[in-house]
C-alpha atoms as a PDB file:
ATOM      1  CA  MET A   1      82.477  63.058  36.433  1.00  0.00           C
ATOM      2  CA  ALA A   2      85.983  62.837  37.866  1.00  0.00           C
ATOM      3  CA  LEU A   3      86.615  61.774  41.447  1.00  0.00           C
ATOM      4  CA  VAL A   4      87.597  64.729  43.640  1.00  0.00           C
ATOM      5  CA  LEU A   5      90.097  63.355  46.135  1.00  0.00           C
ATOM      6  CA  LYS A   6      89.864  66.312  48.524  1.00  0.00           C
ATOM      7  CA  ASP A   7      86.191  67.180  48.778  1.00  0.00           C
ATOM      8  CA  SER A   8      84.504  69.436  51.320  1.00  0.00           C
ATOM      9  CA  ASP A   9      84.819  68.587  54.996  1.00  0.00           C
ATOM     10  CA  SER A  10      81.048  68.087  55.344  1.00  0.00           C
ATOM     11  CA  TYR A  11      77.834  67.378  53.454  1.00  0.00           C
ATOM     12  CA  SER A  12      74.107  67.790  54.081  1.00  0.00           C
ATOM     13  CA  TRP A  13      71.681  64.886  54.418  1.00  0.00           C
ATOM     14  CA  PRO A  14      67.900  64.814  54.964  1.00  0.00           C
ATOM     15  CA  ILE A  15      66.684  63.727  58.395  1.00  0.00           C
ATOM     16  CA  VAL A  16      63.206  62.452  59.212  1.00  0.00           C
ATOM     17  CA  TYR A  17      62.491  62.416  62.950  1.00  0.00           C
ATOM     18  CA  ARG A  18      59.265  61.074  64.387  1.00  0.00           C
ATOM     19  CA  GLN A  19      58.691  62.842  67.682  1.00  0.00           C
ATOM     20  CA  PRO A  20      56.273  61.330  70.212  1.00  0.00           C
ATOM     21  CA  VAL A  21      53.187  63.522  70.738  1.00  0.00           C
ATOM     22  CA  SER A  22      49.959  63.226  72.715  1.00  0.00           C
ATOM     23  CA  GLY A  23      47.486  60.503  71.843  1.00  0.00           C
ATOM     24  CA  GLY A  24      50.075  57.778  71.299  1.00  0.00           C
ATOM     25  CA  ARG A  25      51.157  59.195  67.951  1.00  0.00           C
ATOM     26  CA  ARG A  26      54.389  60.338  66.413  1.00  0.00           C
ATOM     27  CA  GLU A  27      54.708  63.570  64.485  1.00  0.00           C
ATOM     28  CA  LYS A  28      56.999  63.540  61.443  1.00  0.00           C
ATOM     29  CA  GLN A  29      59.538  66.376  61.454  1.00  0.00           C
ATOM     30  CA  GLU A  30      62.234  66.962  58.863  1.00  0.00           C
ATOM     31  CA  PHE A  31      65.449  68.953  58.595  1.00  0.00           C
ATOM     32  CA  GLU A  32      68.832  68.848  56.855  1.00  0.00           C
ATOM     33  CA  ALA A  33      71.781  67.687  58.943  1.00  0.00           C
ATOM     34  CA  GLU A  34      75.310  68.737  58.063  1.00  0.00           C
ATOM     35  CA  PHE A  35      77.555  65.713  58.604  1.00  0.00           C
ATOM     36  CA  LYS A  36      81.314  65.722  59.019  1.00  0.00           C
ATOM     37  CA  ARG A  37      83.070  63.729  56.309  1.00  0.00           C
ATOM     38  CA  LEU A  38      84.978  61.140  58.364  1.00  0.00           C
ATOM     39  CA  PRO A  39      87.896  59.113  57.036  1.00  0.00           C
ATOM     40  CA  GLN A  40      87.245  55.404  56.513  1.00  0.00           C
ATOM     41  CA  SER A  41      89.600  54.529  59.376  1.00  0.00           C
ATOM     42  CA  ARG A  42      87.395  56.442  61.850  1.00  0.00           C
ATOM     43  CA  ILE A  43      84.192  54.968  60.407  1.00  0.00           C
ATOM     44  CA  THR A  44      85.633  51.473  60.858  1.00  0.00           C
ATOM     45  CA  GLU A  45      86.721  52.310  64.415  1.00  0.00           C
ATOM     46  CA  ILE A  46      83.211  53.522  65.305  1.00  0.00           C
ATOM     47  CA  GLN A  47      81.651  50.396  63.772  1.00  0.00           C
ATOM     48  CA  GLU A  48      84.004  48.157  65.765  1.00  0.00           C
ATOM     49  CA  LEU A  49      83.244  50.005  69.023  1.00  0.00           C
ATOM     50  CA  VAL A  50      79.503  49.737  68.386  1.00  0.00           C
ATOM     51  CA  GLN A  51      79.850  46.009  67.711  1.00  0.00           C
ATOM     52  CA  GLN A  52      81.795  45.583  70.952  1.00  0.00           C
ATOM     53  CA  ARG A  53      79.014  47.415  72.801  1.00  0.00           C
ATOM     54  CA  ILE A  54      76.428  45.127  71.178  1.00  0.00           C
ATOM     55  CA  ASP A  55      78.496  42.127  72.266  1.00  0.00           C
ATOM     56  CA  GLY A  56      78.248  43.362  75.865  1.00  0.00           C
ATOM     57  CA  GLU A  57      81.764  44.727  76.274  1.00  0.00           C
ATOM     58  CA  GLU A  58      82.433  47.917  78.237  1.00  0.00           C
ATOM     59  CA  VAL A  59      83.357  50.548  75.651  1.00  0.00           C
ATOM     60  CA  ASP A  60      83.446  54.320  75.787  1.00  0.00           C
ATOM     61  CA  ILE A  61      80.975  55.091  73.010  1.00  0.00           C
ATOM     62  CA  SER A  62      77.323  56.069  72.948  1.00  0.00           C
ATOM     63  CA  ASP A  63      74.753  57.176  70.399  1.00  0.00           C
ATOM     64  CA  VAL A  64      75.051  60.728  71.691  1.00  0.00           C
ATOM     65  CA  SER A  65      78.856  60.763  71.425  1.00  0.00           C
ATOM     66  CA  ILE A  66      78.751  59.475  67.829  1.00  0.00           C
ATOM     67  CA  ALA A  67      76.025  61.954  66.832  1.00  0.00           C
ATOM     68  CA  ASP A  68      77.967  64.734  68.550  1.00  0.00           C
ATOM     69  CA  GLU A  69      81.057  63.842  66.511  1.00  0.00           C
ATOM     70  CA  VAL A  70      79.381  63.704  63.092  1.00  0.00           C
ATOM     71  CA  LEU A  71      76.789  66.521  63.365  1.00  0.00           C
ATOM     72  CA  VAL A  72      78.441  69.826  62.435  1.00  0.00           C
ATOM     73  CA  GLY A  73      75.458  71.920  61.352  1.00  0.00           C
ATOM     74  CA  TRP A  74      71.839  71.989  60.213  1.00  0.00           C
ATOM     75  CA  GLU A  75      69.150  73.742  58.216  1.00  0.00           C
ATOM     76  CA  GLY A  76      65.434  73.686  58.948  1.00  0.00           C
ATOM     77  CA  ILE A  77      65.362  73.619  62.751  1.00  0.00           C
ATOM     78  CA  VAL A  78      63.238  76.362  64.302  1.00  0.00           C
ATOM     79  CA  ASP A  79      62.293  77.527  67.799  1.00  0.00           C
ATOM     80  CA  GLY A  80      58.771  77.717  69.267  1.00  0.00           C
ATOM     81  CA  GLU A  81      58.042  80.920  67.340  1.00  0.00           C
ATOM     82  CA  GLY A  82      59.188  79.487  64.013  1.00  0.00           C
ATOM     83  CA  GLU A  83      62.495  81.372  63.996  1.00  0.00           C
ATOM     84  CA  PRO A  84      65.568  79.514  62.697  1.00  0.00           C
ATOM     85  CA  MET A  85      67.681  78.020  65.469  1.00  0.00           C
ATOM     86  CA  PRO A  86      71.372  78.725  64.968  1.00  0.00           C
ATOM     87  CA  PHE A  87      73.783  75.815  65.249  1.00  0.00           C
ATOM     88  CA  THR A  88      75.727  76.307  68.471  1.00  0.00           C
ATOM     89  CA  ARG A  89      77.189  73.973  71.062  1.00  0.00           C
ATOM     90  CA  ARG A  90      74.188  74.655  73.312  1.00  0.00           C
ATOM     91  CA  THR A  91      71.507  74.114  70.653  1.00  0.00           C
ATOM     92  CA  LYS A  92      73.280  70.958  69.488  1.00  0.00           C
ATOM     93  CA  GLU A  93      73.147  69.621  73.049  1.00  0.00           C
ATOM     94  CA  GLN A  94      69.415  70.461  73.186  1.00  0.00           C
ATOM     95  CA  LEU A  95      68.811  68.583  69.935  1.00  0.00           C
ATOM     96  CA  LEU A  96      70.719  65.508  71.112  1.00  0.00           C
ATOM     97  CA  GLU A  97      68.591  65.429  74.293  1.00  0.00           C
ATOM     98  CA  LEU A  98      65.434  64.711  72.258  1.00  0.00           C
ATOM     99  CA  PRO A  99      64.433  61.063  72.744  1.00  0.00           C
ATOM    100  CA  MET A 100      65.947  58.876  70.013  1.00  0.00           C
ATOM    101  CA  MET A 101      67.352  61.871  68.061  1.00  0.00           C
ATOM    102  CA  ALA A 102      70.947  60.680  68.382  1.00  0.00           C
ATOM    103  CA  GLY A 103      69.949  57.248  67.040  1.00  0.00           C
ATOM    104  CA  THR A 104      68.057  58.864  64.161  1.00  0.00           C
ATOM    105  CA  LEU A 105      71.122  60.944  63.239  1.00  0.00           C
ATOM    106  CA  ILE A 106      73.489  57.973  63.428  1.00  0.00           C
ATOM    107  CA  GLU A 107      71.223  55.842  61.272  1.00  0.00           C
ATOM    108  CA  ALA A 108      70.994  58.614  58.667  1.00  0.00           C
ATOM    109  CA  PHE A 109      74.769  59.130  58.768  1.00  0.00           C
ATOM    110  CA  PHE A 110      75.550  55.466  58.141  1.00  0.00           C
ATOM    111  CA  ASN A 111      72.788  55.216  55.519  1.00  0.00           C
ATOM    112  CA  SER A 112      74.409  58.146  53.724  1.00  0.00           C
ATOM    113  CA  LEU A 113      77.567  56.062  53.350  1.00  0.00           C
ATOM    114  CA  VAL A 114      75.834  53.110  51.700  1.00  0.00           C
ATOM    115  CA  GLU A 115      74.483  53.266  48.176  1.00  0.00           C
ATOM    116  CA  GLU A 116      70.843  52.255  48.067  1.00  0.00           C
ATOM    117  CA  LYS A 117      69.817  49.328  45.902  1.00  0.00           C
ATOM    118  CA  ARG A 118      67.873  50.416  42.867  1.00  0.00           C
ATOM    119  CA  GLY A 119      64.777  48.623  41.682  1.00  0.00           C
ATOM    120  CA  ASN A 120      64.232  47.659  38.049  1.00  0.00           C
END
């Protein structure tokens, strides 16, 4: 297959989120995130800012801000009655307020950029 230099602006990726529930357990929940296709220069910039944060420097970047930048849609998120939740600014903010959701999204985003090693 030929390389398409200008591909779509986004792509979907499966997300597995383990939400804390009563009894000291975590409940597995899944949905499809729609990620923005960032240029390599921005990916590198984010990685450098994260490394600076890890090194203890004061930088203006957080898990929520990265997740907010890359998440542009979803499929498979429902409300309490099982009705699909539309992707809006408000519902995105609600999602990113779930404990560890932003970290889960960032991890999935960066994993989507790296080809997995295949076993023999």
